[in-house]
C-alpha atoms as a PDB file:
ATOM      1  CA  MET A   1      -9.219  12.103  16.806  1.00  0.00           C
ATOM      2  CA  LYS A   2      -7.269   9.468  15.092  1.00  0.00           C
ATOM      3  CA  ASN A   3     -10.345   6.765  14.824  1.00  0.00           C
ATOM      4  CA  GLN A   4     -12.562   9.624  13.862  1.00  0.00           C
ATOM      5  CA  LEU A   5     -10.727  10.217  11.172  1.00  0.00           C
ATOM      6  CA  ASN A   6     -10.538   6.648   9.761  1.00  0.00           C
ATOM      7  CA  ARG A   7     -14.395   5.933  10.536  1.00  0.00           C
ATOM      8  CA  LYS A   8     -14.907   8.903   8.337  1.00  0.00           C
ATOM      9  CA  ILE A   9     -12.698   7.944   5.463  1.00  0.00           C
ATOM     10  CA  GLN A  10     -14.358   4.345   6.110  1.00  0.00           C
ATOM     11  CA  ILE A  11     -17.926   5.550   5.919  1.00  0.00           C
ATOM     12  CA  GLY A  12     -17.387   8.464   3.538  1.00  0.00           C
ATOM     13  CA  PHE A  13     -15.051   6.542   0.753  1.00  0.00           C
ATOM     14  CA  LEU A  14     -14.593   2.713   1.304  1.00  0.00           C
ATOM     15  CA  VAL A  15     -17.484   1.565   2.754  1.00  0.00           C
ATOM     16  CA  GLN A  16     -19.823   2.307  -0.547  1.00  0.00           C
ATOM     17  CA  HIS A  17     -17.209   0.094  -2.629  1.00  0.00           C
ATOM     18  CA  ASN A  18     -17.480  -2.638  -0.352  1.00  0.00           C
ATOM     19  CA  LEU A  19     -13.696  -3.450  -0.170  1.00  0.00           C
ATOM     20  CA  PHE A  20     -11.714  -5.134   2.062  1.00  0.00           C
ATOM     21  CA  ASN A  21     -10.978  -3.930   6.256  1.00  0.00           C
ATOM     22  CA  PHE A  22      -9.582  -0.308   5.897  1.00  0.00           C
ATOM     23  CA  SER A  23      -8.421  -0.078   9.190  1.00  0.00           C
ATOM     24  CA  ARG A  24      -6.590  -3.208   8.720  1.00  0.00           C
ATOM     25  CA  ILE A  25      -4.539  -2.469   6.076  1.00  0.00           C
ATOM     26  CA  SER A  26      -3.892   1.581   7.065  1.00  0.00           C
ATOM     27  CA  ASN A  27      -2.376  -0.150   9.920  1.00  0.00           C
ATOM     28  CA  ARG A  28      -0.503  -2.939   8.333  1.00  0.00           C
ATOM     29  CA  ILE A  29       1.282  -0.323   5.960  1.00  0.00           C
ATOM     30  CA  LYS A  30       1.795   2.205   8.284  1.00  0.00           C
ATOM     31  CA  LYS A  31       3.841  -0.650  10.108  1.00  0.00           C
ATOM     32  CA  ASN A  32       5.519  -1.621   7.228  1.00  0.00           C
ATOM     33  CA  GLU A  33       6.528   1.782   6.517  1.00  0.00           C
ATOM     34  CA  GLY A  34       7.705   3.478   9.445  1.00  0.00           C
ATOM     35  CA  TYR A  35       7.102   6.965  10.310  1.00  0.00           C
ATOM     36  CA  ARG A  36       9.565   9.873  10.494  1.00  0.00           C
ATOM     37  CA  ARG A  37       8.292  13.447  10.708  1.00  0.00           C
ATOM     38  CA  VAL A  38      11.277  15.158   9.164  1.00  0.00           C
ATOM     39  CA  ALA A  39      12.514  14.030   5.554  1.00  0.00           C
ATOM     40  CA  TYR A  40      14.868  10.838   5.434  1.00  0.00           C
ATOM     41  CA  LYS A  41      15.783   8.039   1.871  1.00  0.00           C
ATOM     42  CA  ASP A  42      14.210   5.332   1.860  1.00  0.00           C
ATOM     43  CA  GLN A  43      15.962   2.020   0.965  1.00  0.00           C
ATOM     44  CA  LEU A  44      16.253   3.178  -2.587  1.00  0.00           C
ATOM     45  CA  GLY A  45      17.679   6.576  -1.934  1.00  0.00           C
ATOM     46  CA  ASN A  46      14.201   8.270  -2.379  1.00  0.00           C
ATOM     47  CA  LEU A  47      13.325  11.078  -0.205  1.00  0.00           C
ATOM     48  CA  SER A  48      10.315  10.086   2.035  1.00  0.00           C
ATOM     49  CA  ILE A  49       8.450  11.713   5.172  1.00  0.00           C
ATOM     50  CA  GLY A  50       6.115  11.115   7.188  1.00  0.00           C
ATOM     51  CA  TYR A  51       4.392   7.076   6.635  1.00  0.00           C
ATOM     52  CA  GLY A  52       6.958   6.600   3.414  1.00  0.00           C
ATOM     53  CA  HIS A  53       5.223   9.578   1.542  1.00  0.00           C
ATOM     54  CA  LEU A  54       7.519  10.229  -1.379  1.00  0.00           C
ATOM     55  CA  ILE A  55       8.359  13.582  -2.130  1.00  0.00           C
ATOM     56  CA  THR A  56       7.828  15.804  -5.015  1.00  0.00           C
ATOM     57  CA  ALA A  57       9.985  18.201  -6.695  1.00  0.00           C
ATOM     58  CA  LYS A  58       6.696  20.554  -6.083  1.00  0.00           C
ATOM     59  CA  GLU A  59       7.312  19.476  -2.199  1.00  0.00           C
ATOM     60  CA  LYS A  60      10.546  21.365  -1.281  1.00  0.00           C
ATOM     61  CA  SER A  61       8.924  22.991   1.742  1.00  0.00           C
ATOM     62  CA  PHE A  62       9.114  19.021   3.202  1.00  0.00           C
ATOM     63  CA  PHE A  63      13.202  19.073   3.177  1.00  0.00           C
ATOM     64  CA  LYS A  64      12.927  22.228   6.061  1.00  0.00           C
ATOM     65  CA  LYS A  65      10.808  21.265   9.426  1.00  0.00           C
ATOM     66  CA  LYS A  66       9.214  19.242  11.126  1.00  0.00           C
ATOM     67  CA  PHE A  67       5.592  18.566  10.335  1.00  0.00           C
ATOM     68  CA  SER A  68       2.421  18.342  12.850  1.00  0.00           C
ATOM     69  CA  ASN A  69       1.464  14.147  13.107  1.00  0.00           C
ATOM     70  CA  LYS A  70      -1.840  15.321  12.211  1.00  0.00           C
ATOM     71  CA  PHE A  71      -0.718  16.635   8.745  1.00  0.00           C
ATOM     72  CA  LEU A  72       1.474  13.775   8.241  1.00  0.00           C
ATOM     73  CA  LEU A  73      -1.483  11.225   9.224  1.00  0.00           C
ATOM     74  CA  LYS A  74      -3.485  13.499   6.324  1.00  0.00           C
ATOM     75  CA  ILE A  75      -1.142  13.217   3.371  1.00  0.00           C
ATOM     76  CA  PHE A  76      -0.828   9.199   4.383  1.00  0.00           C
ATOM     77  CA  TYR A  77      -4.696   8.970   3.919  1.00  0.00           C
ATOM     78  CA  VAL A  78      -4.702  10.957   0.517  1.00  0.00           C
ATOM     79  CA  ASP A  79      -1.810   8.571  -0.800  1.00  0.00           C
ATOM     80  CA  LEU A  80      -3.566   5.089   0.525  1.00  0.00           C
ATOM     81  CA  LYS A  81      -7.341   6.630  -1.365  1.00  0.00           C
ATOM     82  CA  LYS A  82      -5.219   7.350  -3.980  1.00  0.00           C
ATOM     83  CA  ALA A  83      -3.466   3.770  -3.997  1.00  0.00           C
ATOM     84  CA  ILE A  84      -7.574   2.364  -3.209  1.00  0.00           C
ATOM     85  CA  LEU A  85      -8.229   4.436  -6.992  1.00  0.00           C
ATOM     86  CA  ASP A  86      -5.614   3.317  -8.811  1.00  0.00           C
ATOM     87  CA  PHE A  87      -6.422  -0.134  -7.528  1.00  0.00           C
ATOM     88  CA  GLN A  88     -10.321   0.178  -8.414  1.00  0.00           C
ATOM     89  CA  LYS A  89      -9.149   1.478 -11.651  1.00  0.00           C
ATOM     90  CA  ASN A  90      -7.020  -1.008 -12.570  1.00  0.00           C
ATOM     91  CA  TYR A  91      -8.091  -4.247 -11.631  1.00  0.00           C
ATOM     92  CA  ASP A  92     -10.504  -6.730 -11.141  1.00  0.00           C
ATOM     93  CA  TYR A  93     -12.109  -6.440  -7.958  1.00  0.00           C
ATOM     94  CA  LYS A  94     -14.764  -7.826  -7.599  1.00  0.00           C
ATOM     95  CA  ASN A  95     -13.598 -11.352  -7.734  1.00  0.00           C
ATOM     96  CA  LEU A  96     -10.278 -11.414  -5.557  1.00  0.00           C
ATOM     97  CA  SER A  97     -10.593 -12.074  -2.025  1.00  0.00           C
ATOM     98  CA  ASP A  98     -10.404  -9.059   0.765  1.00  0.00           C
ATOM     99  CA  CYS A  99      -6.430 -10.453   1.693  1.00  0.00           C
ATOM    100  CA  THR A 100      -5.771 -10.565  -1.888  1.00  0.00           C
ATOM    101  CA  GLN A 101      -7.183  -6.933  -2.605  1.00  0.00           C
ATOM    102  CA  GLU A 102      -5.552  -5.516   0.593  1.00  0.00           C
ATOM    103  CA  VAL A 103      -1.693  -7.123  -0.921  1.00  0.00           C
ATOM    104  CA  ILE A 104      -2.145  -5.311  -3.806  1.00  0.00           C
ATOM    105  CA  ILE A 105      -3.347  -2.182  -2.684  1.00  0.00           C
ATOM    106  CA  GLU A 106      -0.042  -2.357  -0.304  1.00  0.00           C
ATOM    107  CA  MET A 107       1.861  -3.058  -3.394  1.00  0.00           C
ATOM    108  CA  ILE A 108       0.564   0.265  -4.692  1.00  0.00           C
ATOM    109  CA  PHE A 109       1.005   1.996  -2.070  1.00  0.00           C
ATOM    110  CA  GLN A 110       4.993   0.992  -2.323  1.00  0.00           C
ATOM    111  CA  LEU A 111       5.316   1.019  -5.691  1.00  0.00           C
ATOM    112  CA  GLY A 112       2.688   3.085  -7.029  1.00  0.00           C
ATOM    113  CA  ILE A 113       0.197   1.609 -10.029  1.00  0.00           C
ATOM    114  CA  LYS A 114       3.508   1.765 -13.048  1.00  0.00           C
ATOM    115  CA  LYS A 115       5.503  -1.288 -11.752  1.00  0.00           C
ATOM    116  CA  VAL A 116       2.758  -2.884  -9.961  1.00  0.00           C
ATOM    117  CA  LEU A 117       1.387  -3.641 -13.202  1.00  0.00           C
ATOM    118  CA  GLN A 118       4.442  -4.996 -14.464  1.00  0.00           C
ATOM    119  CA  PHE A 119       3.469  -7.911 -12.346  1.00  0.00           C
ATOM    120  CA  LYS A 120       1.403  -9.649 -14.810  1.00  0.00           C
ATOM    121  CA  LYS A 121       2.041 -13.145 -14.051  1.00  0.00           C
ATOM    122  CA  PHE A 122       1.527 -12.572 -10.402  1.00  0.00           C
ATOM    123  CA  TYR A 123      -2.063 -10.859 -11.428  1.00  0.00           C
ATOM    124  CA  TYR A 124      -3.271 -13.486 -13.680  1.00  0.00           C
ATOM    125  CA  CYS A 125      -1.876 -16.487 -10.790  1.00  0.00           C
ATOM    126  CA  VAL A 126      -4.307 -14.253  -8.342  1.00  0.00           C
ATOM    127  CA  LYS A 127      -7.289 -13.585 -10.696  1.00  0.00           C
ATOM    128  CA  ASN A 128      -7.288 -17.802 -10.913  1.00  0.00           C
ATOM    129  CA  LYS A 129      -7.002 -18.282  -7.328  1.00  0.00           C
ATOM    130  CA  LYS A 130      -3.018 -19.823  -7.254  1.00  0.00           C
ATOM    131  CA  PRO A 131      -2.240 -17.758  -4.759  1.00  0.00           C
ATOM    132  CA  TYR A 132       1.313 -20.313  -4.276  1.00  0.00           C
ATOM    133  CA  LEU A 133       2.245 -19.322  -7.718  1.00  0.00           C
ATOM    134  CA  ALA A 134       1.393 -15.431  -7.310  1.00  0.00           C
ATOM    135  CA  SER A 135       3.619 -15.719  -4.161  1.00  0.00           C
ATOM    136  CA  LEU A 136       6.446 -17.577  -5.927  1.00  0.00           C
ATOM    137  CA  GLU A 137       5.612 -14.368  -8.598  1.00  0.00           C
ATOM    138  CA  MET A 138       6.372 -12.011  -5.859  1.00  0.00           C
ATOM    139  CA  ILE A 139      10.077 -13.800  -4.879  1.00  0.00           C
ATOM    140  CA  LYS A 140      11.246 -13.586  -8.204  1.00  0.00           C
ATOM    141  CA  SER A 141      11.157  -9.793  -8.520  1.00  0.00           C
ATOM    142  CA  ARG A 142      13.358  -7.307  -7.808  1.00  0.00           C
ATOM    143  CA  TRP A 143      10.943  -6.148  -5.399  1.00  0.00           C
ATOM    144  CA  TYR A 144      11.817  -8.401  -3.210  1.00  0.00           C
ATOM    145  CA  GLN A 145      15.831  -8.612  -3.112  1.00  0.00           C
ATOM    146  CA  GLN A 146      14.642  -4.491  -2.437  1.00  0.00           C
ATOM    147  CA  THR A 147      12.554  -5.448   0.471  1.00  0.00           C
ATOM    148  CA  PRO A 148      12.436  -8.670   1.473  1.00  0.00           C
ATOM    149  CA  ARG A 149      10.386  -9.085   4.675  1.00  0.00           C
ATOM    150  CA  ARG A 150       7.811  -6.161   3.825  1.00  0.00           C
ATOM    151  CA  VAL A 151       7.430  -9.182   0.906  1.00  0.00           C
ATOM    152  CA  ASN A 152       7.503 -12.371   2.876  1.00  0.00           C
ATOM    153  CA  ARG A 153       4.430 -10.387   5.107  1.00  0.00           C
ATOM    154  CA  LEU A 154       2.396  -9.440   2.220  1.00  0.00           C
ATOM    155  CA  ILE A 155       2.919 -13.329   1.216  1.00  0.00           C
ATOM    156  CA  ALA A 156       1.460 -14.222   4.324  1.00  0.00           C
ATOM    157  CA  VAL A 157      -1.005 -12.414   3.855  1.00  0.00           C
ATOM    158  CA  LEU A 158      -2.452 -13.388   0.624  1.00  0.00           C
ATOM    159  CA  LEU A 159      -2.172 -17.187   1.418  1.00  0.00           C
ATOM    160  CA  LYS A 160      -3.815 -16.805   4.325  1.00  0.00           C
ATOM    161  CA  GLN A 161      -7.728 -16.502   3.026  1.00  0.00           C
ATOM    162  CA  ASN A 162      -6.451 -18.333  -0.158  1.00  0.00           C
ATOM    163  CA  VAL A 163      -5.230 -21.099   1.276  1.00  0.00           C
END
């Protein structure tokens, strides 16, 4: 079932855009986010559920019960698709390596597009093929102070293909 859903999303949405390895990024985000079937507070005190889905004011029902794995997986894929669409709208992704695309998409998934767009020096560095300088920009951010292990893992991904 899970593989069918992955394949369906990959074929129906991502393959046509010739992006990165969808399975690799979705698995990495799931691992980095963790998973809970009930509402919980993340590191910043925001209420979340599933694989890091930020609970909005309209989603008050999420506080009251456990949800099925299937339902929460569906929410994850909706959130991931939104992150990918935000990435495509705001970045010239055709000139970026797969690893760089994946890092930016995961940043958008975690932080939201508005915050990621504030990483202007970071984007300048990745666009100009300077992954080490881009990594330094990641380390200098408040984001790094909040989730250093995750940022370090993303730096490793960024440097992997660009070395």
